[in-house]
Amino acid sequence: MKIKTKHGKFEVNSISFNDQCEMEGALAEMSAQDSTRELFKFYGWIGERAFKNPSKELKKFSIDEKYQILSEIANEYLGLGTDPLEKSGD
């Protein structure tokens, strides 16, 4: 499947319903623990499912850009319109 991010278009693997449930559980756990380490593990999990070789696919991007791309892919996988990892200032 193709996903358009603000850093370009990417061909990513589809995920299963089980993967979606795991993602939702990981987000809930991160929220409860407020854990930065869990956040980075989550990004790694997304990258491994989205790409055959995430290091190669994301090599040309800065660290911040990589995490923005992975966050946008996570949004697409979860069907969300806003960043699930972003804290609202409202």
N, C-alpha and C. Protein backbone atom coordinates (compact mmCIF):
# COMPACT_ATOMS: atom_id res chain seq x y z
N MET A 1 0.84 -1.18 0.00
CA MET A 1 0.00 0.00 0.00
C MET A 1 0.89 1.23 0.00
N LYS A 2 0.38 2.32 -0.59
CA LYS A 2 1.14 3.57 -0.64
C LYS A 2 0.63 4.52 0.44
N ILE A 3 1.58 5.15 1.11
CA ILE A 3 1.25 6.13 2.14
C ILE A 3 1.99 7.41 1.80
N LYS A 4 1.24 8.50 1.77
CA LYS A 4 1.82 9.82 1.51
C LYS A 4 2.09 10.49 2.85
N THR A 5 3.33 10.91 3.05
CA THR A 5 3.69 11.65 4.26
C THR A 5 4.23 13.01 3.83
N LYS A 6 4.50 13.87 4.78
CA LYS A 6 5.04 15.17 4.41
C LYS A 6 6.49 15.05 3.94
N HIS A 7 7.08 13.86 4.05
CA HIS A 7 8.45 13.63 3.59
C HIS A 7 8.49 12.78 2.34
N GLY A 8 7.34 12.54 1.73
CA GLY A 8 7.30 11.78 0.49
C GLY A 8 6.30 10.63 0.55
N LYS A 9 6.24 9.91 -0.56
CA LYS A 9 5.35 8.74 -0.65
C LYS A 9 6.17 7.49 -0.41
N PHE A 10 5.55 6.55 0.30
CA PHE A 10 6.23 5.31 0.64
C PHE A 10 5.35 4.13 0.33
N GLU A 11 5.97 3.09 -0.21
CA GLU A 11 5.29 1.81 -0.41
C GLU A 11 5.55 1.01 0.86
N VAL A 12 4.49 0.71 1.60
CA VAL A 12 4.63 -0.02 2.86
C VAL A 12 3.79 -1.29 2.82
N ASN A 13 4.17 -2.22 3.66
CA ASN A 13 3.43 -3.47 3.78
C ASN A 13 2.11 -3.21 4.50
N SER A 14 1.10 -3.95 4.15
CA SER A 14 -0.15 -3.93 4.90
C SER A 14 0.07 -4.68 6.21
N ILE A 15 -0.76 -4.40 7.19
CA ILE A 15 -0.66 -5.14 8.45
C ILE A 15 -1.96 -5.88 8.71
N SER A 16 -1.89 -6.86 9.57
CA SER A 16 -3.05 -7.67 9.91
C SER A 16 -3.88 -7.01 11.01
N PHE A 17 -5.06 -7.54 11.21
CA PHE A 17 -5.91 -7.06 12.31
C PHE A 17 -5.20 -7.27 13.65
N ASN A 18 -4.51 -8.39 13.79
CA ASN A 18 -3.77 -8.67 15.02
C ASN A 18 -2.70 -7.60 15.25
N ASP A 19 -2.00 -7.19 14.18
CA ASP A 19 -1.01 -6.12 14.30
C ASP A 19 -1.65 -4.81 14.74
N GLN A 20 -2.83 -4.52 14.21
CA GLN A 20 -3.54 -3.30 14.63
C GLN A 20 -3.85 -3.36 16.12
N CYS A 21 -4.29 -4.51 16.59
CA CYS A 21 -4.59 -4.66 18.01
C CYS A 21 -3.33 -4.51 18.86
N GLU A 22 -2.21 -5.06 18.39
CA GLU A 22 -0.94 -4.90 19.10
C GLU A 22 -0.54 -3.44 19.17
N MET A 23 -0.74 -2.72 18.07
CA MET A 23 -0.43 -1.28 18.05
C MET A 23 -1.26 -0.53 19.07
N GLU A 24 -2.55 -0.81 19.10
CA GLU A 24 -3.43 -0.13 20.05
C GLU A 24 -3.01 -0.42 21.48
N GLY A 25 -2.63 -1.67 21.74
CA GLY A 25 -2.16 -2.04 23.08
C GLY A 25 -0.86 -1.33 23.44
N ALA A 26 0.04 -1.23 22.47
CA ALA A 26 1.31 -0.54 22.71
C ALA A 26 1.08 0.94 23.00
N LEU A 27 0.17 1.56 22.27
CA LEU A 27 -0.15 2.97 22.52
C LEU A 27 -0.75 3.17 23.90
N ALA A 28 -1.64 2.27 24.30
CA ALA A 28 -2.25 2.36 25.63
C ALA A 28 -1.19 2.19 26.72
N GLU A 29 -0.28 1.25 26.51
CA GLU A 29 0.79 1.01 27.48
C GLU A 29 1.72 2.22 27.58
N MET A 30 2.09 2.79 26.44
CA MET A 30 2.95 3.98 26.44
C MET A 30 2.29 5.13 27.17
N SER A 31 1.00 5.30 26.93
CA SER A 31 0.26 6.38 27.56
C SER A 31 0.22 6.20 29.07
N ALA A 32 0.00 4.97 29.50
CA ALA A 32 -0.08 4.68 30.94
C ALA A 32 1.28 4.84 31.61
N GLN A 33 2.34 4.46 30.94
CA GLN A 33 3.68 4.49 31.52
C GLN A 33 4.41 5.80 31.25
N ASP A 34 3.95 6.56 30.25
CA ASP A 34 4.63 7.77 29.80
C ASP A 34 6.12 7.46 29.58
N SER A 35 6.37 6.39 28.81
CA SER A 35 7.70 5.85 28.63
C SER A 35 8.29 6.19 27.26
N THR A 36 9.38 6.94 27.27
CA THR A 36 10.08 7.27 26.04
C THR A 36 10.68 6.01 25.41
N ARG A 37 11.18 5.12 26.23
CA ARG A 37 11.76 3.88 25.71
C ARG A 37 10.71 3.08 24.95
N GLU A 38 9.51 2.98 25.48
CA GLU A 38 8.43 2.25 24.81
C GLU A 38 8.06 2.93 23.49
N LEU A 39 8.14 4.25 23.45
CA LEU A 39 7.85 4.99 22.23
C LEU A 39 8.83 4.58 21.12
N PHE A 40 10.11 4.52 21.44
CA PHE A 40 11.09 4.14 20.44
C PHE A 40 10.97 2.68 20.04
N LYS A 41 10.59 1.82 20.96
CA LYS A 41 10.32 0.42 20.61
C LYS A 41 9.13 0.35 19.66
N PHE A 42 8.14 1.19 19.89
CA PHE A 42 6.96 1.25 19.03
C PHE A 42 7.37 1.67 17.61
N TYR A 43 8.20 2.70 17.50
CA TYR A 43 8.66 3.14 16.18
C TYR A 43 9.43 2.00 15.48
N GLY A 44 10.25 1.29 16.20
CA GLY A 44 10.96 0.16 15.62
C GLY A 44 10.02 -0.92 15.13
N TRP A 45 8.98 -1.18 15.91
CA TRP A 45 7.97 -2.18 15.55
C TRP A 45 7.26 -1.77 14.26
N ILE A 46 6.91 -0.49 14.16
CA ILE A 46 6.24 0.03 12.95
C ILE A 46 7.17 -0.11 11.74
N GLY A 47 8.41 0.31 11.90
CA GLY A 47 9.36 0.24 10.79
C GLY A 47 9.57 -1.18 10.29
N GLU A 48 9.66 -2.13 11.20
CA GLU A 48 9.87 -3.53 10.81
C GLU A 48 8.68 -4.11 10.06
N ARG A 49 7.49 -3.65 10.36
CA ARG A 49 6.31 -4.14 9.65
C ARG A 49 6.07 -3.38 8.34
N ALA A 50 6.40 -2.11 8.35
CA ALA A 50 6.12 -1.28 7.17
C ALA A 50 7.07 -1.58 6.01
N PHE A 51 8.33 -1.84 6.33
CA PHE A 51 9.34 -1.97 5.29
C PHE A 51 10.08 -3.31 5.37
N LYS A 52 10.50 -3.78 4.22
CA LYS A 52 11.34 -4.99 4.19
C LYS A 52 12.69 -4.69 4.85
N ASN A 53 13.21 -3.49 4.59
CA ASN A 53 14.48 -3.07 5.16
C ASN A 53 14.35 -1.61 5.62
N PRO A 54 13.85 -1.39 6.85
CA PRO A 54 13.61 -0.01 7.29
C PRO A 54 14.86 0.87 7.32
N SER A 55 16.00 0.30 7.66
CA SER A 55 17.24 1.10 7.69
C SER A 55 17.55 1.66 6.31
N LYS A 56 17.39 0.83 5.30
CA LYS A 56 17.66 1.26 3.92
C LYS A 56 16.62 2.27 3.45
N GLU A 57 15.36 2.00 3.71
CA GLU A 57 14.27 2.87 3.25
C GLU A 57 14.32 4.26 3.87
N LEU A 58 14.79 4.35 5.11
CA LEU A 58 14.76 5.63 5.84
C LEU A 58 16.14 6.26 5.99
N LYS A 59 17.13 5.69 5.33
CA LYS A 59 18.52 6.11 5.50
C LYS A 59 18.76 7.60 5.22
N LYS A 60 18.11 8.14 4.21
CA LYS A 60 18.40 9.52 3.80
C LYS A 60 17.75 10.58 4.69
N PHE A 61 16.94 10.16 5.65
CA PHE A 61 16.21 11.11 6.49
C PHE A 61 16.91 11.32 7.83
N SER A 62 16.71 12.51 8.39
CA SER A 62 17.24 12.80 9.73
C SER A 62 16.47 11.96 10.75
N ILE A 63 16.98 11.91 11.94
CA ILE A 63 16.33 11.14 13.00
C ILE A 63 14.90 11.64 13.21
N ASP A 64 14.73 12.94 13.31
CA ASP A 64 13.39 13.50 13.52
C ASP A 64 12.46 13.15 12.37
N GLU A 65 12.97 13.26 11.15
CA GLU A 65 12.15 12.94 9.98
C GLU A 65 11.74 11.47 9.98
N LYS A 66 12.66 10.58 10.36
CA LYS A 66 12.33 9.15 10.43
C LYS A 66 11.15 8.91 11.36
N TYR A 67 11.21 9.52 12.53
CA TYR A 67 10.13 9.30 13.50
C TYR A 67 8.83 9.95 13.05
N GLN A 68 8.90 11.07 12.35
CA GLN A 68 7.69 11.67 11.79
C GLN A 68 7.07 10.75 10.74
N ILE A 69 7.91 10.17 9.89
CA ILE A 69 7.42 9.25 8.86
C ILE A 69 6.78 8.02 9.51
N LEU A 70 7.46 7.44 10.49
CA LEU A 70 6.92 6.26 11.16
C LEU A 70 5.62 6.58 11.90
N SER A 71 5.53 7.78 12.45
CA SER A 71 4.30 8.19 13.12
C SER A 71 3.15 8.31 12.11
N GLU A 72 3.44 8.87 10.94
CA GLU A 72 2.41 8.99 9.91
C GLU A 72 1.98 7.62 9.38
N ILE A 73 2.92 6.70 9.29
CA ILE A 73 2.58 5.34 8.88
C ILE A 73 1.69 4.69 9.94
N ALA A 74 2.04 4.89 11.21
CA ALA A 74 1.21 4.36 12.31
C ALA A 74 -0.20 4.93 12.23
N ASN A 75 -0.30 6.23 11.96
CA ASN A 75 -1.62 6.85 11.82
C ASN A 75 -2.43 6.17 10.74
N GLU A 76 -1.78 5.92 9.62
CA GLU A 76 -2.47 5.27 8.50
C GLU A 76 -2.91 3.86 8.88
N TYR A 77 -2.03 3.12 9.52
CA TYR A 77 -2.36 1.76 9.94
C TYR A 77 -3.56 1.75 10.90
N LEU A 78 -3.63 2.76 11.77
CA LEU A 78 -4.70 2.81 12.76
C LEU A 78 -5.94 3.56 12.27
N GLY A 79 -5.83 4.20 11.11
CA GLY A 79 -6.96 4.94 10.57
C GLY A 79 -7.23 6.24 11.31
N LEU A 80 -6.17 6.83 11.84
CA LEU A 80 -6.30 8.08 12.61
C LEU A 80 -5.96 9.28 11.74
N GLY A 81 -6.61 10.40 12.00
CA GLY A 81 -6.35 11.61 11.25
C GLY A 81 -5.31 12.51 11.89
N THR A 82 -5.01 12.26 13.15
CA THR A 82 -4.01 13.08 13.84
C THR A 82 -2.96 12.17 14.45
N ASP A 83 -1.87 12.74 14.86
CA ASP A 83 -0.75 11.99 15.40
C ASP A 83 -1.13 11.35 16.74
N PRO A 84 -1.12 10.00 16.83
CA PRO A 84 -1.52 9.36 18.07
C PRO A 84 -0.51 9.56 19.19
N LEU A 85 0.69 10.00 18.84
CA LEU A 85 1.74 10.17 19.83
C LEU A 85 1.89 11.62 20.26
N GLU A 86 1.15 12.50 19.62
CA GLU A 86 1.24 13.92 19.90
C GLU A 86 0.28 14.27 21.05
N LYS A 87 0.76 15.02 21.99
CA LYS A 87 -0.10 15.44 23.10
C LYS A 87 -0.79 16.75 22.72
N SER A 88 -2.09 16.77 22.90
CA SER A 88 -2.87 17.94 22.52
C SER A 88 -2.65 19.07 23.51
N GLY A 89 -2.54 20.27 22.99
CA GLY A 89 -2.40 21.44 23.85
C GLY A 89 -3.75 22.06 24.19
N ASP A 90 -4.83 21.46 23.71
CA ASP A 90 -6.18 22.02 23.95
C ASP A 90 -6.68 21.69 25.34
